[in-house]
Amino acid sequence: MHPEKYGEVVRNSGFAGERFKNRPEIVRAVSAVLTVFGISMIFFLPDDTAMEKLRKAGWTLLTAGGLSNTLDRLVRHYVVDYIPRGRYVYNLGDFAIGAGTAGFVAGTVLDRNEEVS
């Protein structure tokens, strides 16, 4: 399931798990559109309460990881992965996406719990 390997570094030309690796133009276009959307959303998310700040920080981290991978795709035409974990190989941008997603979801769920109480 690993993308093409070059030593400890993996060149992944698709999405996670090599999805759409044979359609790099689609991968680059979707990545660019999602990254622009992610960056623009940072300016629209409220940050008045602690949970809104957590949600916005999570979204910002998620977007930063996505931007890193998108720049790899646009410049190199593949994402450089170099941290092996189980069946897959990741990069720091992937961990930022995961941590940002967790922060965004936590901020959303905790904010909704406060509204219910």
PDB file of N, CA and C in Angstrom:
ATOM      1  N   MET A   1       0.817  -1.196   0.000  1.00  0.00           N
ATOM      2  CA  MET A   1       0.000   0.000   0.000  1.00  0.00           C
ATOM      3  C   MET A   1       0.862   1.262   0.000  1.00  0.00           C
ATOM      4  N   HIS A   2       2.154   1.115   0.155  1.00  0.00           N
ATOM      5  CA  HIS A   2       3.052   2.270   0.154  1.00  0.00           C
ATOM      6  C   HIS A   2       3.189   2.835  -1.251  1.00  0.00           C
ATOM      7  N   PRO A   3       3.247   4.183  -1.365  1.00  0.00           N
ATOM      8  CA  PRO A   3       3.588   4.767  -2.658  1.00  0.00           C
ATOM      9  C   PRO A   3       5.017   4.394  -3.046  1.00  0.00           C
ATOM     10  N   GLU A   4       5.393   4.795  -4.227  1.00  0.00           N
ATOM     11  CA  GLU A   4       6.728   4.503  -4.721  1.00  0.00           C
ATOM     12  C   GLU A   4       7.784   5.001  -3.739  1.00  0.00           C
ATOM     13  N   LYS A   5       8.717   4.119  -3.338  1.00  0.00           N
ATOM     14  CA  LYS A   5       9.685   4.472  -2.303  1.00  0.00           C
ATOM     15  C   LYS A   5      11.033   4.840  -2.894  1.00  0.00           C
ATOM     16  N   TYR A   6      11.685   5.785  -2.253  1.00  0.00           N
ATOM     17  CA  TYR A   6      13.046   6.189  -2.568  1.00  0.00           C
ATOM     18  C   TYR A   6      13.790   6.282  -1.249  1.00  0.00           C
ATOM     19  N   GLY A   7      14.360   5.177  -0.780  1.00  0.00           N
ATOM     20  CA  GLY A   7      14.998   5.161   0.536  1.00  0.00           C
ATOM     21  C   GLY A   7      13.938   5.303   1.605  1.00  0.00           C
ATOM     22  N   GLU A   8      14.144   6.213   2.527  1.00  0.00           N
ATOM     23  CA  GLU A   8      13.174   6.473   3.585  1.00  0.00           C
ATOM     24  C   GLU A   8      12.127   7.492   3.171  1.00  0.00           C
ATOM     25  N   VAL A   9      12.305   8.114   2.039  1.00  0.00           N
ATOM     26  CA  VAL A   9      11.386   9.149   1.571  1.00  0.00           C
ATOM     27  C   VAL A   9      10.417   8.518   0.570  1.00  0.00           C
ATOM     28  N   VAL A  10       9.143   8.884   0.680  1.00  0.00           N
ATOM     29  CA  VAL A  10       8.119   8.366  -0.222  1.00  0.00           C
ATOM     30  C   VAL A  10       7.569   9.529  -1.035  1.00  0.00           C
ATOM     31  N   ARG A  11       7.450   9.323  -2.320  1.00  0.00           N
ATOM     32  CA  ARG A  11       6.861  10.324  -3.211  1.00  0.00           C
ATOM     33  C   ARG A  11       5.432   9.890  -3.512  1.00  0.00           C
ATOM     34  N   ASN A  12       4.496  10.624  -2.990  1.00  0.00           N
ATOM     35  CA  ASN A  12       3.086  10.281  -3.160  1.00  0.00           C
ATOM     36  C   ASN A  12       2.447  11.283  -4.112  1.00  0.00           C
ATOM     37  N   SER A  13       2.071  10.831  -5.298  1.00  0.00           N
ATOM     38  CA  SER A  13       1.471  11.747  -6.265  1.00  0.00           C
ATOM     39  C   SER A  13      -0.049  11.778  -6.220  1.00  0.00           C
ATOM     40  N   GLY A  14      -0.645  11.063  -5.286  1.00  0.00           N
ATOM     41  CA  GLY A  14      -2.098  11.076  -5.144  1.00  0.00           C
ATOM     42  C   GLY A  14      -2.516  11.657  -3.809  1.00  0.00           C
ATOM     43  N   PHE A  15      -3.779  11.427  -3.473  1.00  0.00           N
ATOM     44  CA  PHE A  15      -4.257  11.777  -2.145  1.00  0.00           C
ATOM     45  C   PHE A  15      -3.806  10.685  -1.180  1.00  0.00           C
ATOM     46  N   ALA A  16      -4.289  10.723   0.042  1.00  0.00           N
ATOM     47  CA  ALA A  16      -3.939   9.715   1.041  1.00  0.00           C
ATOM     48  C   ALA A  16      -4.172   8.316   0.470  1.00  0.00           C
ATOM     49  N   GLY A  17      -3.222   7.429   0.715  1.00  0.00           N
ATOM     50  CA  GLY A  17      -3.339   6.066   0.209  1.00  0.00           C
ATOM     51  C   GLY A  17      -3.231   5.964  -1.301  1.00  0.00           C
ATOM     52  N   GLU A  18      -2.618   6.942  -1.934  1.00  0.00           N
ATOM     53  CA  GLU A  18      -2.383   6.990  -3.379  1.00  0.00           C
ATOM     54  C   GLU A  18      -3.647   7.120  -4.224  1.00  0.00           C
ATOM     55  N   ARG A  19      -4.751   7.529  -3.616  1.00  0.00           N
ATOM     56  CA  ARG A  19      -5.977   7.684  -4.399  1.00  0.00           C
ATOM     57  C   ARG A  19      -5.774   8.753  -5.480  1.00  0.00           C
ATOM     58  N   PHE A  20      -6.211   8.451  -6.671  1.00  0.00           N
ATOM     59  CA  PHE A  20      -6.122   9.341  -7.840  1.00  0.00           C
ATOM     60  C   PHE A  20      -4.678   9.619  -8.263  1.00  0.00           C
ATOM     61  N   LYS A  21      -3.747   8.742  -7.928  1.00  0.00           N
ATOM     62  CA  LYS A  21      -2.347   8.987  -8.315  1.00  0.00           C
ATOM     63  C   LYS A  21      -2.166   9.032  -9.826  1.00  0.00           C
ATOM     64  N   ASN A  22      -3.062   8.406 -10.566  1.00  0.00           N
ATOM     65  CA  ASN A  22      -2.970   8.429 -12.023  1.00  0.00           C
ATOM     66  C   ASN A  22      -3.651   9.655 -12.634  1.00  0.00           C
ATOM     67  N   ARG A  23      -4.211  10.508 -11.780  1.00  0.00           N
ATOM     68  CA  ARG A  23      -4.852  11.743 -12.227  1.00  0.00           C
ATOM     69  C   ARG A  23      -4.278  12.936 -11.462  1.00  0.00           C
ATOM     70  N   PRO A  24      -2.991  13.204 -11.608  1.00  0.00           N
ATOM     71  CA  PRO A  24      -2.348  14.261 -10.813  1.00  0.00           C
ATOM     72  C   PRO A  24      -2.944  15.642 -11.031  1.00  0.00           C
ATOM     73  N   GLU A  25      -3.504  15.899 -12.200  1.00  0.00           N
ATOM     74  CA  GLU A  25      -4.102  17.218 -12.444  1.00  0.00           C
ATOM     75  C   GLU A  25      -5.332  17.419 -11.558  1.00  0.00           C
ATOM     76  N   ILE A  26      -6.078  16.359 -11.331  1.00  0.00           N
ATOM     77  CA  ILE A  26      -7.234  16.442 -10.439  1.00  0.00           C
ATOM     78  C   ILE A  26      -6.765  16.640  -9.002  1.00  0.00           C
ATOM     79  N   VAL A  27      -5.740  15.911  -8.607  1.00  0.00           N
ATOM     80  CA  VAL A  27      -5.201  16.018  -7.243  1.00  0.00           C
ATOM     81  C   VAL A  27      -4.717  17.445  -6.983  1.00  0.00           C
ATOM     82  N   ARG A  28      -3.970  18.011  -7.923  1.00  0.00           N
ATOM     83  CA  ARG A  28      -3.466  19.377  -7.747  1.00  0.00           C
ATOM     84  C   ARG A  28      -4.603  20.390  -7.707  1.00  0.00           C
ATOM     85  N   ALA A  29      -5.571  20.252  -8.602  1.00  0.00           N
ATOM     86  CA  ALA A  29      -6.686  21.212  -8.657  1.00  0.00           C
ATOM     87  C   ALA A  29      -7.528  21.153  -7.389  1.00  0.00           C
ATOM     88  N   VAL A  30      -7.885  19.962  -6.956  1.00  0.00           N
ATOM     89  CA  VAL A  30      -8.706  19.821  -5.741  1.00  0.00           C
ATOM     90  C   VAL A  30      -7.937  20.348  -4.538  1.00  0.00           C
ATOM     91  N   SER A  31      -6.653  20.024  -4.449  1.00  0.00           N
ATOM     92  CA  SER A  31      -5.834  20.520  -3.337  1.00  0.00           C
ATOM     93  C   SER A  31      -5.786  22.038  -3.317  1.00  0.00           C
ATOM     94  N   ALA A  32      -5.600  22.648  -4.478  1.00  0.00           N
ATOM     95  CA  ALA A  32      -5.523  24.112  -4.547  1.00  0.00           C
ATOM     96  C   ALA A  32      -6.852  24.753  -4.146  1.00  0.00           C
ATOM     97  N   VAL A  33      -7.953  24.227  -4.639  1.00  0.00           N
ATOM     98  CA  VAL A  33      -9.269  24.790  -4.318  1.00  0.00           C
ATOM     99  C   VAL A  33      -9.550  24.650  -2.823  1.00  0.00           C
ATOM    100  N   LEU A  34      -9.291  23.483  -2.263  1.00  0.00           N
ATOM    101  CA  LEU A  34      -9.536  23.282  -0.830  1.00  0.00           C
ATOM    102  C   LEU A  34      -8.637  24.164   0.028  1.00  0.00           C
ATOM    103  N   THR A  35      -7.413  24.373  -0.398  1.00  0.00           N
ATOM    104  CA  THR A  35      -6.500  25.226   0.355  1.00  0.00           C
ATOM    105  C   THR A  35      -6.964  26.681   0.332  1.00  0.00           C
ATOM    106  N   VAL A  36      -7.378  27.170  -0.820  1.00  0.00           N
ATOM    107  CA  VAL A  36      -7.899  28.542  -0.908  1.00  0.00           C
ATOM    108  C   VAL A  36      -9.147  28.680  -0.037  1.00  0.00           C
ATOM    109  N   PHE A  37     -10.021  27.693  -0.078  1.00  0.00           N
ATOM    110  CA  PHE A  37     -11.212  27.701   0.772  1.00  0.00           C
ATOM    111  C   PHE A  37     -10.805  27.724   2.246  1.00  0.00           C
ATOM    112  N   GLY A  38      -9.857  26.868   2.621  1.00  0.00           N
ATOM    113  CA  GLY A  38      -9.405  26.806   4.016  1.00  0.00           C
ATOM    114  C   GLY A  38      -8.827  28.121   4.496  1.00  0.00           C
ATOM    115  N   ILE A  39      -8.007  28.742   3.678  1.00  0.00           N
ATOM    116  CA  ILE A  39      -7.401  30.024   4.057  1.00  0.00           C
ATOM    117  C   ILE A  39      -8.476  31.094   4.199  1.00  0.00           C
ATOM    118  N   SER A  40      -9.416  31.146   3.257  1.00  0.00           N
ATOM    119  CA  SER A  40     -10.452  32.180   3.341  1.00  0.00           C
ATOM    120  C   SER A  40     -11.349  31.977   4.557  1.00  0.00           C
ATOM    121  N   MET A  41     -11.621  30.746   4.936  1.00  0.00           N
ATOM    122  CA  MET A  41     -12.468  30.473   6.099  1.00  0.00           C
ATOM    123  C   MET A  41     -11.840  30.974   7.403  1.00  0.00           C
ATOM    124  N   ILE A  42     -10.530  31.023   7.465  1.00  0.00           N
ATOM    125  CA  ILE A  42      -9.861  31.506   8.677  1.00  0.00           C
ATOM    126  C   ILE A  42     -10.351  32.915   9.021  1.00  0.00           C
ATOM    127  N   PHE A  43     -10.582  33.725   8.000  1.00  0.00           N
ATOM    128  CA  PHE A  43     -11.000  35.107   8.225  1.00  0.00           C
ATOM    129  C   PHE A  43     -12.474  35.237   8.616  1.00  0.00           C
ATOM    130  N   PHE A  44     -13.268  34.206   8.339  1.00  0.00           N
ATOM    131  CA  PHE A  44     -14.700  34.266   8.625  1.00  0.00           C
ATOM    132  C   PHE A  44     -15.096  33.568   9.923  1.00  0.00           C
ATOM    133  N   LEU A  45     -14.237  32.702  10.443  1.00  0.00           N
ATOM    134  CA  LEU A  45     -14.580  31.993  11.677  1.00  0.00           C
ATOM    135  C   LEU A  45     -14.523  32.955  12.859  1.00  0.00           C
ATOM    136  N   PRO A  46     -15.552  32.963  13.689  1.00  0.00           N
ATOM    137  CA  PRO A  46     -15.529  33.840  14.865  1.00  0.00           C
ATOM    138  C   PRO A  46     -14.510  33.346  15.890  1.00  0.00           C
ATOM    139  N   ASP A  47     -14.040  34.251  16.725  1.00  0.00           N
ATOM    140  CA  ASP A  47     -13.092  33.856  17.778  1.00  0.00           C
ATOM    141  C   ASP A  47     -13.353  34.633  19.064  1.00  0.00           C
ATOM    142  N   ASP A  48     -14.621  34.757  19.421  1.00  0.00           N
ATOM    143  CA  ASP A  48     -15.005  35.511  20.616  1.00  0.00           C
ATOM    144  C   ASP A  48     -14.894  34.679  21.888  1.00  0.00           C
ATOM    145  N   THR A  49     -15.265  33.401  21.823  1.00  0.00           N
ATOM    146  CA  THR A  49     -15.227  32.546  23.016  1.00  0.00           C
ATOM    147  C   THR A  49     -14.019  31.617  22.952  1.00  0.00           C
ATOM    148  N   ALA A  50     -13.740  30.960  24.049  1.00  0.00           N
ATOM    149  CA  ALA A  50     -12.609  30.023  24.098  1.00  0.00           C
ATOM    150  C   ALA A  50     -12.797  28.881  23.106  1.00  0.00           C
ATOM    151  N   MET A  51     -14.025  28.375  22.991  1.00  0.00           N
ATOM    152  CA  MET A  51     -14.277  27.260  22.068  1.00  0.00           C
ATOM    153  C   MET A  51     -14.183  27.713  20.616  1.00  0.00           C
ATOM    154  N   GLU A  52     -14.591  28.933  20.331  1.00  0.00           N
ATOM    155  CA  GLU A  52     -14.432  29.464  18.976  1.00  0.00           C
ATOM    156  C   GLU A  52     -12.952  29.647  18.649  1.00  0.00           C
ATOM    157  N   LYS A  53     -12.177  30.072  19.636  1.00  0.00           N
ATOM    158  CA  LYS A  53     -10.723  30.201  19.429  1.00  0.00           C
ATOM    159  C   LYS A  53     -10.091  28.840  19.181  1.00  0.00           C
ATOM    160  N   LEU A  54     -10.530  27.808  19.923  1.00  0.00           N
ATOM    161  CA  LEU A  54     -10.023  26.449  19.709  1.00  0.00           C
ATOM    162  C   LEU A  54     -10.395  25.973  18.315  1.00  0.00           C
ATOM    163  N   ARG A  55     -11.631  26.204  17.920  1.00  0.00           N
ATOM    164  CA  ARG A  55     -12.083  25.792  16.587  1.00  0.00           C
ATOM    165  C   ARG A  55     -11.284  26.518  15.500  1.00  0.00           C
ATOM    166  N   LYS A  56     -11.066  27.813  15.664  1.00  0.00           N
ATOM    167  CA  LYS A  56     -10.321  28.586  14.668  1.00  0.00           C
ATOM    168  C   LYS A  56      -8.856  28.155  14.630  1.00  0.00           C
ATOM    169  N   ALA A  57      -8.263  27.900  15.784  1.00  0.00           N
ATOM    170  CA  ALA A  57      -6.874  27.424  15.827  1.00  0.00           C
ATOM    171  C   ALA A  57      -6.758  26.067  15.139  1.00  0.00           C
ATOM    172  N   GLY A  58      -7.732  25.193  15.384  1.00  0.00           N
ATOM    173  CA  GLY A  58      -7.732  23.890  14.721  1.00  0.00           C
ATOM    174  C   GLY A  58      -7.843  24.035  13.218  1.00  0.00           C
ATOM    175  N   TRP A  59      -8.756  24.893  12.773  1.00  0.00           N
ATOM    176  CA  TRP A  59      -8.927  25.117  11.338  1.00  0.00           C
ATOM    177  C   TRP A  59      -7.647  25.688  10.722  1.00  0.00           C
ATOM    178  N   THR A  60      -7.002  26.597  11.428  1.00  0.00           N
ATOM    179  CA  THR A  60      -5.768  27.199  10.923  1.00  0.00           C
ATOM    180  C   THR A  60      -4.671  26.156  10.792  1.00  0.00           C
ATOM    181  N   LEU A  61      -4.538  25.277  11.785  1.00  0.00           N
ATOM    182  CA  LEU A  61      -3.534  24.208  11.738  1.00  0.00           C
ATOM    183  C   LEU A  61      -3.844  23.226  10.614  1.00  0.00           C
ATOM    184  N   LEU A  62      -5.104  22.870  10.472  1.00  0.00           N
ATOM    185  CA  LEU A  62      -5.535  21.986   9.390  1.00  0.00           C
ATOM    186  C   LEU A  62      -5.182  22.614   8.039  1.00  0.00           C
ATOM    187  N   THR A  63      -5.477  23.880   7.873  1.00  0.00           N
ATOM    188  CA  THR A  63      -5.199  24.574   6.617  1.00  0.00           C
ATOM    189  C   THR A  63      -3.699  24.682   6.354  1.00  0.00           C
ATOM    190  N   ALA A  64      -2.921  24.921   7.395  1.00  0.00           N
ATOM    191  CA  ALA A  64      -1.464  25.011   7.225  1.00  0.00           C
ATOM    192  C   ALA A  64      -0.886  23.681   6.735  1.00  0.00           C
ATOM    193  N   GLY A  65      -1.364  22.585   7.300  1.00  0.00           N
ATOM    194  CA  GLY A  65      -0.918  21.268   6.828  1.00  0.00           C
ATOM    195  C   GLY A  65      -1.331  21.028   5.392  1.00  0.00           C
ATOM    196  N   GLY A  66      -2.556  21.423   5.059  1.00  0.00           N
ATOM    197  CA  GLY A  66      -3.022  21.282   3.685  1.00  0.00           C
ATOM    198  C   GLY A  66      -2.226  22.155   2.717  1.00  0.00           C
ATOM    199  N   LEU A  67      -1.895  23.368   3.148  1.00  0.00           N
ATOM    200  CA  LEU A  67      -1.091  24.265   2.315  1.00  0.00           C
ATOM    201  C   LEU A  67       0.278  23.657   2.038  1.00  0.00           C
ATOM    202  N   SER A  68       0.882  23.068   3.051  1.00  0.00           N
ATOM    203  CA  SER A  68       2.189  22.423   2.883  1.00  0.00           C
ATOM    204  C   SER A  68       2.116  21.327   1.820  1.00  0.00           C
ATOM    205  N   ASN A  69       1.105  20.477   1.921  1.00  0.00           N
ATOM    206  CA  ASN A  69       0.964  19.399   0.942  1.00  0.00           C
ATOM    207  C   ASN A  69       0.607  19.937  -0.444  1.00  0.00           C
ATOM    208  N   THR A  70      -0.214  20.979  -0.495  1.00  0.00           N
ATOM    209  CA  THR A  70      -0.585  21.566  -1.780  1.00  0.00           C
ATOM    210  C   THR A  70       0.634  22.177  -2.470  1.00  0.00           C
ATOM    211  N   LEU A  71       1.459  22.876  -1.712  1.00  0.00           N
ATOM    212  CA  LEU A  71       2.677  23.446  -2.312  1.00  0.00           C
ATOM    213  C   LEU A  71       3.578  22.348  -2.861  1.00  0.00           C
ATOM    214  N   ASP A  72       3.709  21.238  -2.127  1.00  0.00           N
ATOM    215  CA  ASP A  72       4.467  20.097  -2.657  1.00  0.00           C
ATOM    216  C   ASP A  72       3.874  19.634  -3.980  1.00  0.00           C
ATOM    217  N   ARG A  73       2.558  19.492  -4.026  1.00  0.00           N
ATOM    218  CA  ARG A  73       1.904  19.003  -5.244  1.00  0.00           C
ATOM    219  C   ARG A  73       2.087  19.968  -6.417  1.00  0.00           C
ATOM    220  N   LEU A  74       2.018  21.269  -6.151  1.00  0.00           N
ATOM    221  CA  LEU A  74       2.136  22.246  -7.230  1.00  0.00           C
ATOM    222  C   LEU A  74       3.568  22.415  -7.719  1.00  0.00           C
ATOM    223  N   VAL A  75       4.521  22.345  -6.792  1.00  0.00           N
ATOM    224  CA  VAL A  75       5.928  22.569  -7.153  1.00  0.00           C
ATOM    225  C   VAL A  75       6.607  21.282  -7.608  1.00  0.00           C
ATOM    226  N   ARG A  76       6.466  20.222  -6.815  1.00  0.00           N
ATOM    227  CA  ARG A  76       7.163  18.961  -7.112  1.00  0.00           C
ATOM    228  C   ARG A  76       6.308  17.977  -7.896  1.00  0.00           C
ATOM    229  N   HIS A  77       5.002  18.154  -7.880  1.00  0.00           N
ATOM    230  CA  HIS A  77       4.030  17.237  -8.473  1.00  0.00           C
ATOM    231  C   HIS A  77       3.858  15.962  -7.653  1.00  0.00           C
ATOM    232  N   TYR A  78       4.309  15.979  -6.421  1.00  0.00           N
ATOM    233  CA  TYR A  78       4.087  14.890  -5.475  1.00  0.00           C
ATOM    234  C   TYR A  78       4.332  15.429  -4.080  1.00  0.00           C
ATOM    235  N   VAL A  79       3.796  14.731  -3.094  1.00  0.00           N
ATOM    236  CA  VAL A  79       4.010  15.090  -1.694  1.00  0.00           C
ATOM    237  C   VAL A  79       5.121  14.212  -1.147  1.00  0.00           C
ATOM    238  N   VAL A  80       6.051  14.813  -0.445  1.00  0.00           N
ATOM    239  CA  VAL A  80       7.154  14.072   0.155  1.00  0.00           C
ATOM    240  C   VAL A  80       6.725  13.591   1.542  1.00  0.00           C
ATOM    241  N   ASP A  81       6.652  12.285   1.715  1.00  0.00           N
ATOM    242  CA  ASP A  81       6.322  11.675   2.998  1.00  0.00           C
ATOM    243  C   ASP A  81       7.563  10.978   3.532  1.00  0.00           C
ATOM    244  N   TYR A  82       7.787  11.079   4.837  1.00  0.00           N
ATOM    245  CA  TYR A  82       9.045  10.577   5.400  1.00  0.00           C
ATOM    246  C   TYR A  82       8.920  10.052   6.825  1.00  0.00           C
ATOM    247  N   ILE A  83       7.706   9.931   7.357  1.00  0.00           N
ATOM    248  CA  ILE A  83       7.522   9.421   8.715  1.00  0.00           C
ATOM    249  C   ILE A  83       6.682   8.147   8.622  1.00  0.00           C
ATOM    250  N   PRO A  84       7.322   6.965   8.663  1.00  0.00           N
ATOM    251  CA  PRO A  84       6.557   5.725   8.555  1.00  0.00           C
ATOM    252  C   PRO A  84       5.782   5.426   9.841  1.00  0.00           C
ATOM    253  N   ARG A  85       4.512   5.111   9.688  1.00  0.00           N
ATOM    254  CA  ARG A  85       3.640   4.725  10.809  1.00  0.00           C
ATOM    255  C   ARG A  85       2.713   3.642  10.287  1.00  0.00           C
ATOM    256  N   GLY A  86       2.949   2.411  10.672  1.00  0.00           N
ATOM    257  CA  GLY A  86       2.098   1.315  10.215  1.00  0.00           C
ATOM    258  C   GLY A  86       2.194   1.111   8.717  1.00  0.00           C
ATOM    259  N   ARG A  87       1.043   1.047   8.065  1.00  0.00           N
ATOM    260  CA  ARG A  87       1.002   0.776   6.619  1.00  0.00           C
ATOM    261  C   ARG A  87       1.308   1.998   5.767  1.00  0.00           C
ATOM    262  N   TYR A  88       1.313   3.177   6.365  1.00  0.00           N
ATOM    263  CA  TYR A  88       1.447   4.401   5.586  1.00  0.00           C
ATOM    264  C   TYR A  88       2.678   5.195   6.007  1.00  0.00           C
ATOM    265  N   VAL A  89       3.003   6.176   5.188  1.00  0.00           N
ATOM    266  CA  VAL A  89       4.103   7.093   5.468  1.00  0.00           C
ATOM    267  C   VAL A  89       3.522   8.505   5.415  1.00  0.00           C
ATOM    268  N   TYR A  90       3.878   9.326   6.393  1.00  0.00           N
ATOM    269  CA  TYR A  90       3.300  10.657   6.546  1.00  0.00           C
ATOM    270  C   TYR A  90       4.387  11.722   6.502  1.00  0.00           C
ATOM    271  N   ASN A  91       3.949  13.000   6.528  1.00  0.00           N
ATOM    272  CA  ASN A  91       4.865  14.113   6.713  1.00  0.00           C
ATOM    273  C   ASN A  91       4.288  15.011   7.809  1.00  0.00           C
ATOM    274  N   LEU A  92       5.003  16.054   8.172  1.00  0.00           N
ATOM    275  CA  LEU A  92       4.519  16.927   9.247  1.00  0.00           C
ATOM    276  C   LEU A  92       3.194  17.599   8.890  1.00  0.00           C
ATOM    277  N   GLY A  93       3.002  17.915   7.620  1.00  0.00           N
ATOM    278  CA  GLY A  93       1.744  18.507   7.194  1.00  0.00           C
ATOM    279  C   GLY A  93       0.559  17.592   7.496  1.00  0.00           C
ATOM    280  N   ASP A  94       0.752  16.291   7.322  1.00  0.00           N
ATOM    281  CA  ASP A  94      -0.318  15.338   7.618  1.00  0.00           C
ATOM    282  C   ASP A  94      -0.675  15.350   9.102  1.00  0.00           C
ATOM    283  N   PHE A  95       0.331  15.444   9.969  1.00  0.00           N
ATOM    284  CA  PHE A  95       0.071  15.499  11.399  1.00  0.00           C
ATOM    285  C   PHE A  95      -0.609  16.817  11.783  1.00  0.00           C
ATOM    286  N   ALA A  96      -0.256  17.902  11.090  1.00  0.00           N
ATOM    287  CA  ALA A  96      -0.930  19.182  11.331  1.00  0.00           C
ATOM    288  C   ALA A  96      -2.404  19.087  10.925  1.00  0.00           C
ATOM    289  N   ILE A  97      -2.670  18.413   9.823  1.00  0.00           N
ATOM    290  CA  ILE A  97      -4.055  18.219   9.393  1.00  0.00           C
ATOM    291  C   ILE A  97      -4.821  17.420  10.439  1.00  0.00           C
ATOM    292  N   GLY A  98      -4.219  16.353  10.949  1.00  0.00           N
ATOM    293  CA  GLY A  98      -4.872  15.536  11.972  1.00  0.00           C
ATOM    294  C   GLY A  98      -5.108  16.293  13.265  1.00  0.00           C
ATOM    295  N   ALA A  99      -4.091  17.001  13.732  1.00  0.00           N
ATOM    296  CA  ALA A  99      -4.222  17.765  14.981  1.00  0.00           C
ATOM    297  C   ALA A  99      -5.222  18.911  14.806  1.00  0.00           C
ATOM    298  N   GLY A 100      -5.179  19.565  13.654  1.00  0.00           N
ATOM    299  CA  GLY A 100      -6.120  20.654  13.395  1.00  0.00           C
ATOM    300  C   GLY A 100      -7.544  20.161  13.325  1.00  0.00           C
ATOM    301  N   THR A 101      -7.752  19.025  12.708  1.00  0.00           N
ATOM    302  CA  THR A 101      -9.086  18.431  12.651  1.00  0.00           C
ATOM    303  C   THR A 101      -9.588  18.126  14.055  1.00  0.00           C
ATOM    304  N   ALA A 102      -8.712  17.550  14.886  1.00  0.00           N
ATOM    305  CA  ALA A 102      -9.092  17.239  16.275  1.00  0.00           C
ATOM    306  C   ALA A 102      -9.463  18.513  17.035  1.00  0.00           C
ATOM    307  N   GLY A 103      -8.687  19.578  16.857  1.00  0.00           N
ATOM    308  CA  GLY A 103      -8.979  20.845  17.527  1.00  0.00           C
ATOM    309  C   GLY A 103     -10.274  21.457  17.050  1.00  0.00           C
ATOM    310  N   PHE A 104     -10.507  21.423  15.745  1.00  0.00           N
ATOM    311  CA  PHE A 104     -11.737  21.979  15.190  1.00  0.00           C
ATOM    312  C   PHE A 104     -12.954  21.207  15.692  1.00  0.00           C
ATOM    313  N   VAL A 105     -12.881  19.884  15.658  1.00  0.00           N
ATOM    314  CA  VAL A 105     -14.003  19.059  16.123  1.00  0.00           C
ATOM    315  C   VAL A 105     -14.224  19.258  17.616  1.00  0.00           C
ATOM    316  N   ALA A 106     -13.140  19.284  18.393  1.00  0.00           N
ATOM    317  CA  ALA A 106     -13.271  19.482  19.846  1.00  0.00           C
ATOM    318  C   ALA A 106     -13.924  20.827  20.151  1.00  0.00           C
ATOM    319  N   GLY A 107     -13.483  21.876  19.485  1.00  0.00           N
ATOM    320  CA  GLY A 107     -14.072  23.194  19.696  1.00  0.00           C
ATOM    321  C   GLY A 107     -15.540  23.229  19.326  1.00  0.00           C
ATOM    322  N   THR A 108     -15.902  22.526  18.256  1.00  0.00           N
ATOM    323  CA  THR A 108     -17.291  22.484  17.814  1.00  0.00           C
ATOM    324  C   THR A 108     -18.155  21.702  18.800  1.00  0.00           C
ATOM    325  N   VAL A 109     -17.699  20.527  19.198  1.00  0.00           N
ATOM    326  CA  VAL A 109     -18.474  19.683  20.110  1.00  0.00           C
ATOM    327  C   VAL A 109     -18.590  20.339  21.482  1.00  0.00           C
ATOM    328  N   LEU A 110     -17.497  20.848  22.003  1.00  0.00           N
ATOM    329  CA  LEU A 110     -17.538  21.473  23.328  1.00  0.00           C
ATOM    330  C   LEU A 110     -18.395  22.738  23.319  1.00  0.00           C
ATOM    331  N   ASP A 111     -18.363  23.478  22.223  1.00  0.00           N
ATOM    332  CA  ASP A 111     -19.184  24.683  22.112  1.00  0.00           C
ATOM    333  C   ASP A 111     -20.664  24.308  22.100  1.00  0.00           C
ATOM    334  N   ARG A 112     -21.001  23.265  21.381  1.00  0.00           N
ATOM    335  CA  ARG A 112     -22.403  22.811  21.335  1.00  0.00           C
ATOM    336  C   ARG A 112     -22.839  22.291  22.696  1.00  0.00           C
ATOM    337  N   ASN A 113     -21.931  21.626  23.422  1.00  0.00           N
ATOM    338  CA  ASN A 113     -22.265  21.143  24.767  1.00  0.00           C
ATOM    339  C   ASN A 113     -22.540  22.303  25.715  1.00  0.00           C
ATOM    340  N   GLU A 114     -21.789  23.398  25.577  1.00  0.00           N
ATOM    341  CA  GLU A 114     -22.025  24.576  26.420  1.00  0.00           C
ATOM    342  C   GLU A 114     -23.381  25.191  26.119  1.00  0.00           C
ATOM    343  N   GLU A 115     -23.798  25.187  24.850  1.00  0.00           N
ATOM    344  CA  GLU A 115     -25.088  25.747  24.455  1.00  0.00           C
ATOM    345  C   GLU A 115     -26.237  24.936  25.050  1.00  0.00           C
ATOM    346  N   VAL A 116     -26.060  23.617  25.143  1.00  0.00           N
ATOM    347  CA  VAL A 116     -27.114  22.732  25.650  1.00  0.00           C
ATOM    348  C   VAL A 116     -27.273  22.889  27.165  1.00  0.00           C
ATOM    349  N   SER A 117     -26.166  23.106  27.853  1.00  0.00           N
ATOM    350  CA  SER A 117     -26.213  23.186  29.324  1.00  0.00           C
ATOM    351  C   SER A 117     -26.994  24.357  29.828  1.00  0.00           C
TER     352      SER A 117
END
